[in-house]
Structure formats: structure tokens, C-alpha cells
Amino acid sequence: MPTQTIDARGLKCPQPILKITATAIKMKAGDIIEILADCSTFENDVKDWCQRSKKMLMWIKEEAGAKKAQIQF
């Protein structure tokens, strides 16, 4: 299971989610995206994106003053 890492710190909504969407095109079943973002709406945005896209949000946690999320395809 390859893991793709995205650093979206400093980007404002909806840019972190657009980065996930652009990366998702290259992902295969079982692959993982880890994304780090400090946008104030990121946590809700990533939950909504996963629900709409039918992808599994593995976890969200605080890291270095930002939120880090892991999504499995």
C-alpha cells in the first residue's frame, strides 16, 4: 500500500481538498493519502470529502499546530 503525503499548510479552503482530489486520481484501492493542513475548516472538509467520495478516513490528529488526516482508498 503506497502512501502519498501532502503538505497543505498555509493553504486556505478549498485548496487542501482540491489537492486531495487531484492526488486521488492516481490512487488505487488500498493506497493511502496523508495530508497535513492548518486551514480552520479542514477537519470538517476532509470528513465531508471522504463521505462524498466513499473513501475511509482512518484518523485525524493534531500535529505541529495543524491537523493531519489519513485517508485509505
N, C-alpha and C. Protein backbone atom coordinates (compact mmCIF):
# COMPACT_ATOMS: atom_id res chain seq x y z
N MET A 1 0.82 -1.18 0.00
CA MET A 1 0.00 0.00 0.00
C MET A 1 0.87 1.25 0.00
N PRO A 2 1.06 1.87 -1.13
CA PRO A 2 1.82 3.12 -1.17
C PRO A 2 1.11 4.23 -0.40
N THR A 3 1.90 5.09 0.21
CA THR A 3 1.36 6.25 0.92
C THR A 3 1.84 7.51 0.23
N GLN A 4 0.89 8.38 -0.10
CA GLN A 4 1.19 9.68 -0.71
C GLN A 4 1.02 10.72 0.37
N THR A 5 2.02 11.59 0.56
CA THR A 5 1.97 12.63 1.58
C THR A 5 1.78 13.99 0.92
N ILE A 6 0.87 14.79 1.50
CA ILE A 6 0.58 16.13 1.00
C ILE A 6 0.75 17.11 2.16
N ASP A 7 1.55 18.14 1.96
CA ASP A 7 1.68 19.21 2.95
C ASP A 7 0.90 20.41 2.43
N ALA A 8 -0.26 20.65 3.02
CA ALA A 8 -1.12 21.74 2.58
C ALA A 8 -1.16 22.87 3.60
N ARG A 9 -0.16 22.93 4.48
CA ARG A 9 -0.12 24.02 5.45
C ARG A 9 0.02 25.35 4.71
N GLY A 10 -0.69 26.34 5.21
CA GLY A 10 -0.66 27.66 4.59
C GLY A 10 -1.70 27.85 3.51
N LEU A 11 -2.35 26.77 3.09
CA LEU A 11 -3.39 26.86 2.07
C LEU A 11 -4.74 27.02 2.74
N LYS A 12 -5.60 27.81 2.18
CA LYS A 12 -6.94 28.04 2.73
C LYS A 12 -7.98 27.27 1.93
N CYS A 13 -9.09 27.01 2.58
CA CYS A 13 -10.21 26.31 1.97
C CYS A 13 -10.55 26.97 0.63
N PRO A 14 -10.75 26.20 -0.40
CA PRO A 14 -10.84 24.75 -0.51
C PRO A 14 -9.56 24.09 -1.02
N GLN A 15 -8.45 24.80 -1.01
CA GLN A 15 -7.22 24.27 -1.62
C GLN A 15 -6.75 22.92 -1.06
N PRO A 16 -6.76 22.68 0.28
CA PRO A 16 -6.34 21.35 0.74
C PRO A 16 -7.18 20.21 0.15
N ILE A 17 -8.49 20.43 0.05
CA ILE A 17 -9.37 19.40 -0.51
C ILE A 17 -9.12 19.25 -2.02
N LEU A 18 -8.85 20.34 -2.71
CA LEU A 18 -8.52 20.25 -4.13
C LEU A 18 -7.24 19.46 -4.35
N LYS A 19 -6.28 19.59 -3.44
CA LYS A 19 -5.04 18.80 -3.54
C LYS A 19 -5.33 17.31 -3.34
N ILE A 20 -6.22 16.99 -2.40
CA ILE A 20 -6.62 15.59 -2.21
C ILE A 20 -7.28 15.06 -3.48
N THR A 21 -8.18 15.83 -4.04
CA THR A 21 -8.91 15.41 -5.25
C THR A 21 -7.94 15.17 -6.41
N ALA A 22 -6.98 16.06 -6.59
CA ALA A 22 -6.00 15.91 -7.67
C ALA A 22 -5.14 14.67 -7.47
N THR A 23 -4.80 14.37 -6.24
CA THR A 23 -3.97 13.20 -5.93
C THR A 23 -4.79 11.92 -6.04
N ALA A 24 -6.07 11.99 -5.70
CA ALA A 24 -6.94 10.81 -5.69
C ALA A 24 -7.02 10.13 -7.05
N ILE A 25 -6.87 10.90 -8.11
CA ILE A 25 -6.95 10.36 -9.47
C ILE A 25 -5.91 9.26 -9.68
N LYS A 26 -4.75 9.40 -9.02
CA LYS A 26 -3.64 8.45 -9.20
C LYS A 26 -3.67 7.29 -8.22
N MET A 27 -4.60 7.29 -7.27
CA MET A 27 -4.61 6.30 -6.21
C MET A 27 -5.35 5.03 -6.63
N LYS A 28 -4.89 3.91 -6.08
CA LYS A 28 -5.53 2.62 -6.32
C LYS A 28 -6.13 2.11 -5.02
N ALA A 29 -6.97 1.12 -5.10
CA ALA A 29 -7.58 0.54 -3.90
C ALA A 29 -6.50 0.12 -2.91
N GLY A 30 -6.67 0.52 -1.67
CA GLY A 30 -5.71 0.19 -0.62
C GLY A 30 -4.65 1.26 -0.40
N ASP A 31 -4.43 2.15 -1.38
CA ASP A 31 -3.45 3.23 -1.22
C ASP A 31 -3.91 4.20 -0.13
N ILE A 32 -2.95 4.97 0.39
CA ILE A 32 -3.23 5.89 1.49
C ILE A 32 -2.70 7.28 1.15
N ILE A 33 -3.50 8.29 1.51
CA ILE A 33 -3.05 9.69 1.46
C ILE A 33 -2.95 10.18 2.90
N GLU A 34 -1.83 10.79 3.23
CA GLU A 34 -1.70 11.52 4.49
C GLU A 34 -1.57 12.99 4.12
N ILE A 35 -2.40 13.81 4.73
CA ILE A 35 -2.39 15.24 4.43
C ILE A 35 -2.32 16.05 5.71
N LEU A 36 -1.47 17.05 5.69
CA LEU A 36 -1.29 17.96 6.82
C LEU A 36 -1.77 19.33 6.38
N ALA A 37 -2.72 19.90 7.14
CA ALA A 37 -3.29 21.21 6.77
C ALA A 37 -3.61 22.01 8.01
N ASP A 38 -3.50 23.33 7.90
CA ASP A 38 -3.81 24.20 9.04
C ASP A 38 -5.01 25.12 8.76
N CYS A 39 -5.74 24.86 7.73
CA CYS A 39 -6.96 25.60 7.42
C CYS A 39 -7.99 25.32 8.53
N SER A 40 -8.68 26.35 8.97
CA SER A 40 -9.60 26.19 10.11
C SER A 40 -10.77 25.24 9.82
N THR A 41 -11.14 25.05 8.57
CA THR A 41 -12.26 24.18 8.23
C THR A 41 -11.82 22.80 7.75
N PHE A 42 -10.53 22.52 7.79
CA PHE A 42 -10.01 21.29 7.20
C PHE A 42 -10.65 20.03 7.76
N GLU A 43 -10.77 19.93 9.07
CA GLU A 43 -11.30 18.70 9.66
C GLU A 43 -12.69 18.37 9.12
N ASN A 44 -13.59 19.33 9.12
CA ASN A 44 -14.94 19.10 8.57
C ASN A 44 -14.90 18.86 7.07
N ASP A 45 -14.05 19.61 6.37
CA ASP A 45 -13.95 19.47 4.92
C ASP A 45 -13.49 18.06 4.53
N VAL A 46 -12.48 17.54 5.23
CA VAL A 46 -11.95 16.22 4.86
C VAL A 46 -12.96 15.12 5.22
N LYS A 47 -13.69 15.29 6.31
CA LYS A 47 -14.74 14.32 6.65
C LYS A 47 -15.82 14.30 5.56
N ASP A 48 -16.25 15.48 5.14
CA ASP A 48 -17.26 15.57 4.07
C ASP A 48 -16.75 14.97 2.77
N TRP A 49 -15.49 15.27 2.41
CA TRP A 49 -14.92 14.75 1.17
C TRP A 49 -14.90 13.22 1.19
N CYS A 50 -14.47 12.65 2.31
CA CYS A 50 -14.42 11.18 2.41
C CYS A 50 -15.80 10.57 2.30
N GLN A 51 -16.78 11.18 2.93
CA GLN A 51 -18.14 10.66 2.85
C GLN A 51 -18.67 10.72 1.42
N ARG A 52 -18.48 11.86 0.76
CA ARG A 52 -18.96 12.01 -0.63
C ARG A 52 -18.22 11.07 -1.58
N SER A 53 -16.93 10.87 -1.33
CA SER A 53 -16.10 10.07 -2.24
C SER A 53 -16.09 8.59 -1.89
N LYS A 54 -16.74 8.26 -0.79
CA LYS A 54 -16.78 6.87 -0.31
C LYS A 54 -15.38 6.32 -0.06
N LYS A 55 -14.55 7.14 0.57
CA LYS A 55 -13.20 6.74 0.99
C LYS A 55 -13.18 6.69 2.51
N MET A 56 -12.27 5.87 3.07
CA MET A 56 -12.23 5.69 4.51
C MET A 56 -11.27 6.69 5.16
N LEU A 57 -11.81 7.51 6.05
CA LEU A 57 -10.99 8.41 6.85
C LEU A 57 -10.49 7.58 8.03
N MET A 58 -9.20 7.30 8.03
CA MET A 58 -8.62 6.43 9.06
C MET A 58 -8.52 7.17 10.40
N TRP A 59 -8.01 8.39 10.35
CA TRP A 59 -7.87 9.21 11.57
C TRP A 59 -7.56 10.65 11.21
N ILE A 60 -7.81 11.51 12.21
CA ILE A 60 -7.38 12.91 12.16
C ILE A 60 -6.76 13.20 13.52
N LYS A 61 -5.58 13.83 13.50
CA LYS A 61 -4.94 14.18 14.77
C LYS A 61 -4.22 15.51 14.64
N GLU A 62 -3.93 16.10 15.78
CA GLU A 62 -3.15 17.35 15.83
C GLU A 62 -1.68 17.01 15.63
N GLU A 63 -1.01 17.82 14.82
CA GLU A 63 0.43 17.64 14.63
C GLU A 63 1.04 18.97 14.23
N ALA A 64 1.98 19.44 15.01
CA ALA A 64 2.74 20.66 14.71
C ALA A 64 1.83 21.86 14.43
N GLY A 65 0.79 22.03 15.25
CA GLY A 65 -0.11 23.16 15.09
C GLY A 65 -1.05 23.05 13.91
N ALA A 66 -1.19 21.86 13.37
CA ALA A 66 -2.07 21.63 12.22
C ALA A 66 -2.84 20.32 12.46
N LYS A 67 -3.67 19.98 11.52
CA LYS A 67 -4.40 18.70 11.55
C LYS A 67 -3.80 17.79 10.49
N LYS A 68 -3.60 16.53 10.87
CA LYS A 68 -3.09 15.54 9.93
C LYS A 68 -4.16 14.46 9.80
N ALA A 69 -4.47 14.12 8.57
CA ALA A 69 -5.50 13.12 8.30
C ALA A 69 -4.94 12.01 7.42
N GLN A 70 -5.45 10.82 7.62
CA GLN A 70 -5.06 9.69 6.78
C GLN A 70 -6.33 9.12 6.14
N ILE A 71 -6.28 9.00 4.80
CA ILE A 71 -7.41 8.53 4.01
C ILE A 71 -6.97 7.27 3.27
N GLN A 72 -7.79 6.22 3.36
CA GLN A 72 -7.49 4.99 2.62
C GLN A 72 -8.45 4.85 1.45
N PHE A 73 -7.90 4.47 0.31
CA PHE A 73 -8.69 4.29 -0.91
C PHE A 73 -9.06 2.85 -1.11
